């Protein structure tokens, strides 16, 4: 797939129903041209993870995903040894020389690869998605930085493993904590915010087959109005897509005050937010 210009990137992403703005297209083009990872920040549900999935589809590369969480360590991110298999091997060969057994049990046959090592060892180029990197501890972030700097990893028992092909890397962050300057320097930075009403309407049209232009415009307009309120959690793009699908499933062609009140729970996830939005929107209807 041609990624030789920002315009070509935009066309490629649109072909898989991911609608980028100019900044997204430019950063993806530069990342591909300069072989640099992309660090994508922004609110939850605005399309950060979907960008990596779309890049996988347009390039034909497999997607390898590392889902970050508090407590993620090297064993879950990079590799670990198959201890059960090693124990069975030791028990089966108790009469053999220990050095021979040790050399055997620390061979690749006993290695369990995790997402980072899988991406490095892949024979074919992949898209590596490191999702919600802001959730990991500083120590794990340092491990990620080491991998992204050289695309190689040292395993004491096996030596250094270098990347066979360089992956296209996308890191996402909901900005729940500040990432290190070193990690940010390694990456091209991209901030994705909530789309404006027109772009969200286009996203809805692309992602919700059968949605009328009128209903897509209403959904986008209501979502934008709700996001202007002081809420615990504003509705994400993925939630406006769910809402549009809900309206279609209920055979609703037009959103009025009653429909809005009956379906706000699809857009909002806290009862206090639902009550606040219902009060604000019904006192000054946006639908």
Protein backbone atom coordinates (compact mmCIF):
# COMPACT_ATOMS: atom_id res chain seq x y z
CA UNK A 1 0.00 0.00 0.00
CA UNK A 2 1.32 3.44 -0.97
CA UNK A 3 2.30 5.57 2.02
CA UNK A 4 4.60 7.87 0.04
CA UNK A 5 2.84 11.12 0.92
CA UNK A 6 0.42 12.41 3.58
CA UNK A 7 -2.29 12.44 0.92
CA UNK A 8 -1.58 8.80 0.05
CA UNK A 9 -1.70 7.90 3.76
CA UNK A 10 -5.08 9.63 4.10
CA UNK A 11 -6.46 7.76 1.09
CA UNK A 12 -5.16 4.43 2.37
CA UNK A 13 -6.64 4.90 5.84
CA UNK A 14 -9.96 6.03 4.40
CA UNK A 15 -10.06 2.84 2.32
CA UNK A 16 -10.36 0.87 5.57
CA UNK A 17 -12.91 3.29 7.08
CA UNK A 18 -10.45 5.16 9.31
CA UNK A 19 -10.97 8.86 8.65
CA UNK A 20 -7.80 10.79 9.52
CA UNK A 21 -7.34 14.50 9.78
CA UNK A 22 -4.34 16.22 8.18
CA UNK A 23 -2.14 15.89 11.28
CA UNK A 24 -2.73 12.14 11.60
CA UNK A 25 -1.88 11.62 7.92
CA UNK A 26 1.27 13.70 8.19
CA UNK A 27 2.57 11.95 11.33
CA UNK A 28 1.94 8.47 9.89
CA UNK A 29 3.75 9.45 6.69
CA UNK A 30 6.74 10.79 8.63
CA UNK A 31 6.84 7.74 10.93
CA UNK A 32 6.93 5.47 7.91
CA UNK A 33 9.56 7.58 6.13
CA UNK A 34 11.80 8.09 9.19
CA UNK A 35 11.27 4.64 10.78
CA UNK A 36 10.17 6.17 14.07
CA UNK A 37 7.51 5.02 16.55
CA UNK A 38 4.34 7.09 16.98
CA UNK A 39 3.24 8.11 20.46
CA UNK A 40 -0.50 8.82 20.29
CA UNK A 41 -2.08 10.66 23.21
CA UNK A 42 -5.66 11.75 23.76
CA UNK A 43 -8.89 10.88 25.56
CA UNK A 44 -10.08 7.29 25.64
CA UNK A 45 -12.12 6.17 22.65
CA UNK A 46 -11.02 8.74 20.05
CA UNK A 47 -9.35 6.26 17.71
CA UNK A 48 -5.80 5.80 19.03
CA UNK A 49 -5.90 2.01 19.07
CA UNK A 50 -7.95 1.96 15.88
CA UNK A 51 -5.14 3.82 14.12
CA UNK A 52 -2.76 0.91 14.73
CA UNK A 53 -5.38 -1.58 13.56
CA UNK A 54 -6.01 0.48 10.43
CA UNK A 55 -2.27 0.63 9.68
CA UNK A 56 -2.13 -3.14 10.00
CA UNK A 57 -4.93 -3.48 7.45
CA UNK A 58 -3.61 -0.99 4.91
CA UNK A 59 -0.02 -2.30 5.01
CA UNK A 60 -0.98 -5.98 5.16
CA UNK A 61 1.23 -6.42 8.24
CA UNK A 62 0.22 -8.57 11.19
CA UNK A 63 -0.76 -6.66 14.32
CA UNK A 64 1.03 -7.61 17.55
CA UNK A 65 -0.51 -5.96 20.60
CA UNK A 66 0.98 -5.43 24.04
CA UNK A 67 -1.82 -4.35 26.36
CA UNK A 68 -0.20 -2.42 29.20
CA UNK A 69 -1.41 -2.52 32.78
CA UNK A 70 -0.11 -1.80 36.25
CA UNK A 71 2.26 -4.57 37.25
CA UNK A 72 3.24 -5.55 33.70
CA UNK A 73 6.77 -6.95 33.86
CA UNK A 74 9.42 -8.32 31.55
CA UNK A 75 8.04 -11.86 31.74
CA UNK A 76 4.69 -10.75 30.31
CA UNK A 77 6.01 -8.13 27.90
CA UNK A 78 9.18 -9.74 26.54
CA UNK A 79 9.74 -13.42 27.35
CA UNK A 80 9.85 -16.06 30.05
CA UNK A 81 11.00 -19.65 30.31
CA UNK A 82 8.60 -22.57 30.22
CA UNK A 83 9.35 -23.72 33.76
CA UNK A 84 7.01 -26.71 33.68
CA UNK A 85 8.59 -28.03 30.50
CA UNK A 86 12.04 -27.42 31.92
CA UNK A 87 11.17 -29.33 35.09
CA UNK A 88 9.88 -32.29 33.10
CA UNK A 89 13.10 -32.29 31.07
CA UNK A 90 15.20 -32.29 34.25
CA UNK A 91 13.17 -35.11 35.79
CA UNK A 92 13.44 -37.19 32.62
CA UNK A 93 17.22 -36.85 32.43
CA UNK A 94 18.38 -37.01 36.03
CA UNK A 95 21.20 -39.37 35.03
CA UNK A 96 22.64 -37.02 32.42
CA UNK A 97 25.35 -34.43 32.90
CA UNK A 98 23.90 -31.26 34.44
CA UNK A 99 25.76 -28.91 32.08
CA UNK A 100 24.20 -30.75 29.14
CA UNK A 101 20.74 -30.54 30.69
CA UNK A 102 21.17 -26.84 31.50
CA UNK A 103 22.23 -26.08 27.95
CA UNK A 104 19.18 -27.92 26.68
CA UNK A 105 16.54 -26.37 28.97
CA UNK A 106 17.74 -22.85 28.19
CA UNK A 107 17.39 -23.29 24.45
CA UNK A 108 14.73 -21.75 22.21
CA UNK A 109 12.56 -24.87 22.56
CA UNK A 110 11.82 -23.80 26.13
CA UNK A 111 11.39 -20.07 25.43
CA UNK A 112 7.94 -18.49 25.70
CA UNK A 113 7.89 -15.34 23.59
CA UNK A 114 5.70 -12.38 24.54
CA UNK A 115 4.57 -9.49 22.30
CA UNK A 116 7.80 -7.46 22.28
CA UNK A 117 10.00 -10.44 21.46
CA UNK A 118 7.46 -11.73 18.93
CA UNK A 119 7.66 -8.41 17.09
CA UNK A 120 11.46 -8.50 17.09
CA UNK A 121 11.70 -12.12 15.95
CA UNK A 122 9.03 -11.91 13.26
CA UNK A 123 10.26 -12.92 9.81
CA UNK A 124 7.84 -10.43 8.25
CA UNK A 125 7.33 -6.76 9.20
CA UNK A 126 4.58 -6.22 11.76
CA UNK A 127 2.67 -3.38 13.36
CA UNK A 128 3.50 -3.37 17.07
CA UNK A 129 0.81 -1.73 19.21
CA UNK A 130 1.87 -0.84 22.75
CA UNK A 131 -1.51 0.11 24.16
CA UNK A 132 -2.00 2.44 27.17
CA UNK A 133 1.70 2.77 27.88
CA UNK A 134 0.93 5.32 30.61
CA UNK A 135 -0.35 2.45 32.79
CA UNK A 136 3.03 0.78 33.30
CA UNK A 137 5.60 1.60 35.95
CA UNK A 138 8.73 3.60 35.19
CA UNK A 139 10.87 0.42 35.21
CA UNK A 140 8.80 -1.19 32.48
CA UNK A 141 8.81 2.05 30.51
CA UNK A 142 12.62 1.89 30.61
CA UNK A 143 12.45 -1.62 29.15
CA UNK A 144 10.24 -0.35 26.33
CA UNK A 145 12.67 2.48 25.66
CA UNK A 146 15.56 0.03 25.40
CA UNK A 147 13.65 -2.12 22.91
CA UNK A 148 12.54 0.86 20.81
CA UNK A 149 16.03 2.36 20.71
CA UNK A 150 17.80 -0.61 19.12
CA UNK A 151 15.08 -3.14 18.32
CA UNK A 152 17.11 -5.82 19.99
CA UNK A 153 17.01 -7.67 23.29
CA UNK A 154 19.63 -9.53 25.29
CA UNK A 155 18.66 -12.88 26.78
CA UNK A 156 21.48 -14.00 29.10
CA UNK A 157 21.17 -17.67 28.17
CA UNK A 158 20.85 -17.11 24.40
CA UNK A 159 22.67 -13.86 23.68
CA UNK A 160 21.43 -10.81 21.78
CA UNK A 161 18.45 -11.12 19.49
CA UNK A 162 18.21 -8.39 16.87
CA UNK A 163 15.09 -7.51 14.93
CA UNK A 164 14.83 -9.44 11.67
CA UNK A 165 12.58 -6.72 10.31
CA UNK A 166 11.81 -3.36 11.91
CA UNK A 167 8.22 -3.15 13.14
CA UNK A 168 5.98 -0.15 12.66
CA UNK A 169 5.35 0.90 16.27
CA UNK A 170 2.34 2.73 17.70
CA UNK A 171 2.23 3.58 21.41
CA UNK A 172 -1.00 4.93 22.88
CA UNK A 173 -1.49 6.90 26.08
CA UNK A 174 -4.56 8.27 27.84
CA UNK A 175 -2.18 10.70 29.57
CA UNK A 176 -2.97 9.44 33.08
CA UNK A 177 0.66 10.06 34.01
CA UNK A 178 3.57 11.91 32.47
CA UNK A 179 5.79 9.75 30.29
CA UNK A 180 9.56 10.11 30.39
CA UNK A 181 11.27 12.67 28.20
CA UNK A 182 13.50 9.90 26.84
CA UNK A 183 10.52 7.92 25.56
CA UNK A 184 8.93 11.01 24.06
CA UNK A 185 12.17 11.95 22.26
CA UNK A 186 12.27 8.51 20.66
CA UNK A 187 8.80 8.93 19.14
CA UNK A 188 6.86 11.21 16.85
CA UNK A 189 4.10 12.79 18.93
CA UNK A 190 0.46 12.78 17.85
CA UNK A 191 -2.47 14.11 19.85
CA UNK A 192 -5.93 12.91 18.82
CA UNK A 193 -8.82 14.84 20.35
CA UNK A 194 -12.56 14.54 19.94
CA UNK A 195 -13.45 15.31 16.32
CA UNK A 196 -15.51 18.31 15.32
CA UNK A 197 -19.15 17.65 14.45
CA UNK A 198 -18.56 17.39 10.69
CA UNK A 199 -15.72 14.89 10.98
CA UNK A 200 -17.62 12.85 13.56
CA UNK A 201 -20.58 12.74 11.20
CA UNK A 202 -18.27 11.38 8.49
CA UNK A 203 -16.91 8.78 10.91
CA UNK A 204 -20.42 7.70 11.81
CA UNK A 205 -21.38 7.39 8.15
CA UNK A 206 -18.33 5.23 7.48
CA UNK A 207 -18.66 3.01 10.56
CA UNK A 208 -22.45 2.59 10.81
CA UNK A 209 -23.92 1.21 7.56
CA UNK A 210 -27.48 2.33 6.92
CA UNK A 211 -27.26 5.46 9.06
CA UNK A 212 -29.01 8.39 7.41
CA UNK A 213 -27.26 11.71 6.97
CA UNK A 214 -29.91 13.38 9.13
CA UNK A 215 -29.46 10.93 12.02
CA UNK A 216 -25.67 11.03 11.76
CA UNK A 217 -25.80 14.82 12.03
CA UNK A 218 -28.06 14.62 15.09
CA UNK A 219 -25.84 12.08 16.83
CA UNK A 220 -22.71 14.15 16.17
CA UNK A 221 -24.41 17.36 17.33
CA UNK A 222 -25.73 15.81 20.56
CA UNK A 223 -22.35 14.21 21.33
CA UNK A 224 -20.62 17.56 20.87
CA UNK A 225 -23.15 19.25 23.19
CA UNK A 226 -22.69 16.60 25.87
CA UNK A 227 -18.90 16.91 25.73
CA UNK A 228 -19.21 20.60 26.57
CA UNK A 229 -20.70 19.67 29.96
CA UNK A 230 -18.70 19.11 33.13
CA UNK A 231 -18.90 15.31 33.30
CA UNK A 232 -16.94 12.50 34.91
CA UNK A 233 -16.49 10.92 31.49
CA UNK A 234 -17.41 12.52 28.20
CA UNK A 235 -18.72 10.20 25.48
CA UNK A 236 -15.99 8.86 23.20
CA UNK A 237 -16.26 8.39 19.46
CA UNK A 238 -16.67 4.65 20.01
CA UNK A 239 -19.65 5.40 22.24
CA UNK A 240 -21.27 7.69 19.69
CA UNK A 241 -20.88 4.85 17.18
CA UNK A 242 -22.58 2.51 19.67
CA UNK A 243 -25.36 5.07 20.15
CA UNK A 244 -25.90 5.39 16.41
CA UNK A 245 -26.10 1.59 16.12
CA UNK A 246 -28.54 1.54 19.02
CA UNK A 247 -30.82 4.05 17.31
CA UNK A 248 -30.74 1.98 14.12
CA UNK A 249 -31.49 -1.22 16.03
CA UNK A 250 -34.51 0.52 17.61
CA UNK A 251 -35.66 1.74 14.16
CA UNK A 252 -35.37 5.37 15.24
CA UNK A 253 -35.11 7.93 12.45
CA UNK A 254 -35.17 11.10 14.52
CA UNK A 255 -33.88 11.90 18.02
CA UNK A 256 -36.35 13.79 20.17
CA UNK A 257 -36.33 14.56 23.89
CA UNK A 258 -37.89 11.23 24.87
CA UNK A 259 -35.54 9.15 22.72
CA UNK A 260 -32.57 11.05 24.08
CA UNK A 261 -33.63 10.40 27.67
CA UNK A 262 -34.26 6.71 26.99
CA UNK A 263 -30.88 6.07 25.33
CA UNK A 264 -28.42 8.33 27.15
CA UNK A 265 -27.11 5.30 29.05
CA UNK A 266 -25.44 4.14 25.82
CA UNK A 267 -23.45 7.37 25.59
CA UNK A 268 -22.72 7.93 29.28
CA UNK A 269 -21.42 5.52 31.92
CA UNK A 270 -22.16 7.34 35.17
CA UNK A 271 -25.65 7.98 36.52
CA UNK A 272 -24.70 11.47 37.67
CA UNK A 273 -23.54 12.26 34.12
CA UNK A 274 -26.78 10.88 32.68
CA UNK A 275 -28.87 13.01 35.02
CA UNK A 276 -26.82 16.14 34.33
CA UNK A 277 -26.92 15.66 30.56
CA UNK A 278 -30.65 14.92 30.57
CA UNK A 279 -31.34 18.09 32.53
CA UNK A 280 -29.13 20.31 30.37
CA UNK A 281 -30.22 18.95 27.01
CA UNK A 282 -33.93 18.83 27.72
CA UNK A 283 -33.92 22.39 29.03
CA UNK A 284 -32.18 23.50 25.83
CA UNK A 285 -32.84 20.80 23.21
CA UNK A 286 -30.01 20.00 20.81
CA UNK A 287 -31.57 17.09 18.99
